[in-house]
Protein backbone atom coordinates (compact mmCIF):
# COMPACT_ATOMS: atom_id res chain seq x y z
CA MET A 1 37.64 22.73 47.39
CA LEU A 2 39.29 19.47 48.37
CA VAL A 3 36.03 17.59 47.69
CA ILE A 4 35.85 19.02 44.17
CA LEU A 5 39.42 18.02 43.40
CA LEU A 6 38.82 14.49 44.69
CA ALA A 7 35.61 14.14 42.62
CA ILE A 8 37.20 15.09 39.26
CA PRO A 9 38.86 11.66 38.60
CA PHE A 10 35.54 9.88 39.21
CA VAL A 11 33.64 12.20 36.87
CA LEU A 12 36.23 11.83 34.12
CA THR A 13 36.28 8.05 34.51
CA SER A 14 32.51 7.72 34.27
CA CYS A 15 32.43 9.90 31.16
CA SER A 16 35.21 7.98 29.42
CA ASN A 17 33.25 4.71 29.80
CA ASP A 18 30.46 6.18 27.67
CA ASP A 19 32.83 6.40 24.71
CA ASP A 20 33.52 2.65 24.83
CA ALA A 21 29.85 1.59 24.67
CA PRO A 22 28.85 0.02 21.33
CA LYS A 23 26.71 2.27 19.20
CA PRO A 24 23.76 0.80 17.33
CA ASN A 25 24.12 0.69 13.57
CA PRO A 26 21.70 3.11 11.98
CA VAL A 27 19.26 1.51 9.56
CA THR A 28 19.85 2.87 6.09
CA ILE A 29 17.44 2.54 3.24
CA SER A 30 17.80 2.63 -0.53
CA PHE A 31 15.51 2.48 -3.55
CA ASP A 32 16.61 -1.13 -4.16
CA ASP A 33 14.93 -2.06 -0.86
CA LEU A 34 11.55 -1.42 -2.50
CA ASN A 35 11.97 -4.29 -4.99
CA GLY A 36 10.53 -7.64 -3.97
CA GLU A 37 7.45 -9.61 -2.99
CA TYR A 38 4.90 -8.27 -0.50
CA THR A 39 1.98 -9.83 1.35
CA GLY A 40 -0.52 -8.31 3.69
CA LYS A 41 -4.05 -7.10 4.08
CA ALA A 42 -6.11 -4.54 2.28
CA SER A 43 -8.74 -2.81 4.37
CA ILE A 44 -11.55 -1.97 1.98
CA SER A 45 -14.30 0.51 2.78
CA GLN A 46 -17.25 1.82 0.83
CA GLY A 47 -19.59 4.16 2.63
CA THR A 48 -20.32 2.52 5.99
CA VAL A 49 -19.31 -0.99 4.83
CA ASN A 50 -15.83 -2.16 5.81
CA GLY A 51 -13.98 -5.33 4.94
CA GLU A 52 -10.54 -6.84 4.70
CA THR A 53 -8.86 -9.23 2.31
CA ALA A 54 -5.45 -10.83 1.92
CA VAL A 55 -3.39 -9.46 -0.97
CA ALA A 56 0.02 -9.92 -2.54
CA PHE A 57 2.04 -8.00 -5.10
CA ALA A 58 5.55 -7.58 -6.42
CA THR A 59 7.51 -4.38 -6.95
CA LYS A 60 10.29 -3.73 -9.41
CA LYS A 61 11.61 -0.50 -10.91
CA ASN A 62 8.81 1.89 -9.92
CA LEU A 63 6.01 -0.61 -10.63
CA ILE A 64 3.68 -2.41 -8.22
CA SER A 65 2.23 -5.49 -9.96
CA TYR A 66 -0.84 -7.27 -8.64
CA SER A 67 -1.40 -10.74 -10.08
CA GLU A 68 -4.86 -10.68 -8.48
CA PHE A 69 -6.32 -7.28 -7.63
CA PRO A 70 -9.22 -7.45 -5.11
CA MET A 71 -12.32 -6.88 -7.26
CA LYS A 72 -15.24 -7.95 -5.06
CA GLU A 73 -16.40 -4.46 -4.02
CA ILE A 74 -16.03 -3.15 -7.57
CA VAL A 75 -18.12 -5.97 -9.08
CA TYR A 76 -20.73 -5.63 -6.32
CA ALA A 77 -20.96 -1.89 -7.10
CA VAL A 78 -21.70 -2.76 -10.76
CA ILE A 79 -24.09 -5.67 -10.08
CA SER A 80 -26.42 -5.13 -7.13
CA ASP A 81 -27.76 -8.73 -7.03
CA PRO A 82 -25.31 -10.65 -4.76
CA ALA A 83 -25.83 -14.00 -6.53
CA LYS A 84 -25.18 -12.48 -9.98
CA ALA A 85 -22.21 -10.48 -8.66
CA SER A 86 -20.69 -13.66 -7.21
CA GLN A 87 -21.10 -15.44 -10.57
CA ALA A 88 -19.52 -12.48 -12.37
CA LEU A 89 -16.54 -12.52 -9.97
CA THR A 90 -15.98 -16.19 -10.76
CA ALA A 91 -16.33 -15.54 -14.49
CA ILE A 92 -13.80 -12.69 -14.65
CA GLY A 93 -11.20 -14.64 -12.66
CA LYS A 94 -7.94 -13.04 -11.56
CA ILE A 95 -7.49 -9.44 -12.65
CA LYS A 96 -3.95 -8.12 -13.04
CA TYR A 97 -3.22 -4.48 -12.28
CA ASP A 98 0.02 -2.50 -12.53
CA LEU A 99 0.46 0.64 -10.46
CA ASP A 100 3.26 3.05 -11.35
CA TYR A 101 4.97 5.15 -8.72
CA THR A 102 7.91 7.44 -8.22
CA ALA A 103 9.96 7.27 -5.04
CA VAL A 104 11.63 9.96 -2.96
CA LEU A 105 14.13 9.24 -0.17
CA TYR A 106 12.73 10.92 2.90
CA GLN A 107 13.85 11.98 6.39
CA TYR A 108 17.53 11.17 6.65
CA LYS A 109 17.25 7.95 4.61
CA LYS A 110 14.84 6.30 7.06
CA GLU A 111 11.73 6.30 4.85
CA ILE A 112 10.84 6.33 1.17
CA GLU A 113 7.81 8.32 0.08
CA LEU A 114 5.81 6.87 -2.82
CA ASN A 115 4.03 9.14 -5.26
CA LEU A 116 1.42 6.81 -6.73
CA LEU A 117 0.46 7.23 -10.39
CA PRO A 118 -2.66 5.08 -10.81
CA LYS A 119 -4.17 4.45 -14.20
CA GLU A 120 -7.59 3.22 -15.22
CA LEU A 121 -8.40 -0.47 -15.21
CA THR A 122 -10.69 -1.87 -17.91
CA VAL A 123 -12.46 -5.18 -17.29
CA GLN A 124 -15.13 -7.12 -19.17
CA VAL A 125 -17.80 -8.01 -16.59
CA PRO A 126 -20.69 -10.34 -17.45
CA VAL A 127 -23.95 -8.57 -16.58
CA ASP A 128 -27.14 -10.58 -17.27
CA GLY A 129 -25.29 -12.80 -19.74
CA VAL A 130 -23.69 -9.95 -21.69
CA ASN A 131 -20.07 -8.81 -21.25
CA LYS A 132 -19.98 -5.12 -20.42
CA LYS A 133 -16.95 -2.86 -20.56
CA VAL A 134 -16.30 -1.59 -17.03
CA VAL A 135 -13.71 1.16 -16.53
CA ILE A 136 -12.44 1.74 -13.00
CA THR A 137 -10.82 5.10 -12.23
CA PHE A 138 -8.31 5.02 -9.39
CA THR A 139 -6.87 8.02 -7.59
CA ALA A 140 -4.16 8.19 -4.95
CA SER A 141 -5.82 9.52 -1.83
CA LYS A 142 -2.43 10.16 -0.20
CA LYS A 143 1.24 9.35 -0.65
CA GLY A 144 2.54 5.89 0.17
CA LEU A 145 5.36 5.10 2.55
CA PHE A 146 8.07 2.43 2.71
CA THR A 147 9.87 1.92 6.01
CA LYS A 148 12.67 -0.40 7.06
CA GLN A 149 13.27 -1.22 10.70
CA ASN A 150 12.98 -4.79 12.00
CA THR A 151 10.65 -5.45 9.05
CA GLN A 152 10.17 -3.78 5.68
CA ASN A 153 6.71 -2.29 5.27
CA MET A 154 4.88 -0.57 2.43
CA ASN A 155 1.66 1.28 3.16
CA PHE A 156 -0.53 3.22 0.76
CA GLU A 157 -4.13 3.99 -0.20
CA LEU A 158 -5.97 3.84 -3.49
CA LEU A 159 -9.43 5.21 -4.08
CA VAL A 160 -11.87 4.02 -6.74
CA SER A 161 -13.34 7.43 -7.49
CA LYS A 162 -15.44 6.47 -10.51
CA ILE A 163 -16.76 3.39 -12.30
CA THR A 164 -18.31 3.49 -15.77
CA VAL A 165 -20.25 0.69 -17.44
CA GLU A 166 -20.36 0.95 -21.24
CA GLY A 167 -19.42 4.64 -20.91
CA THR A 168 -22.08 5.54 -18.32
CA ALA A 169 -20.89 6.48 -14.83
CA LEU A 170 -22.45 4.61 -11.93
CA ASN A 171 -24.73 7.01 -10.12
CA PRO A 172 -25.14 6.98 -7.18
CA PHE A 173 -21.69 5.64 -6.36
CA ASN A 174 -19.84 5.59 -3.05
CA PRO A 175 -16.06 5.65 -3.63
CA ILE A 176 -14.20 2.49 -2.62
CA LYS A 177 -11.07 2.99 -0.50
CA TYR A 178 -8.28 0.40 -0.43
CA ASN A 179 -5.79 0.77 2.42
CA PHE A 180 -2.83 -1.55 1.77
CA GLN A 181 -0.70 -2.53 4.80
CA MET A 182 2.01 -4.71 3.28
CA LEU A 183 5.03 -6.59 4.61
CA LYS A 184 7.99 -7.53 2.43
CA LYS A 185 8.71 -11.27 2.34
């Protein structure tokens, strides 16, 4: 009994020290954190072929704006001859694409979920000396995610599910998957 009574001051002292320890500030996140410039890599896969390219975009008010969307795989799907496809890529230049999204604050304000709302992209692609209307249909294969810890990251996937040339769907066509792993500047 005496041992228990003598131990009580030590136990209370050690517990009271825990209250004085600094507590880490929790990272909070808001919709305004989404706005800004992003850079990173897009992993691009089509069938068994995989690649990667550097990309950049800006976000503002529920809009992701690419000043140069990666088009290589799309053009190569339309034009099977690599030399002609390369010439066509040079001819079309930089293609802009805007991707709408809605955002939902998720899991105790630690993540923001992005519901992507892709729209079709129409591009004039020179095929054998003639410009052809190419329509690219994008779908969101899954929801995107924005996180903020030591860095601010945005990750999402887009799928090219269909390409038409002058109204005729490419057939056969392997969907093209873009996996964007982006870091806010």
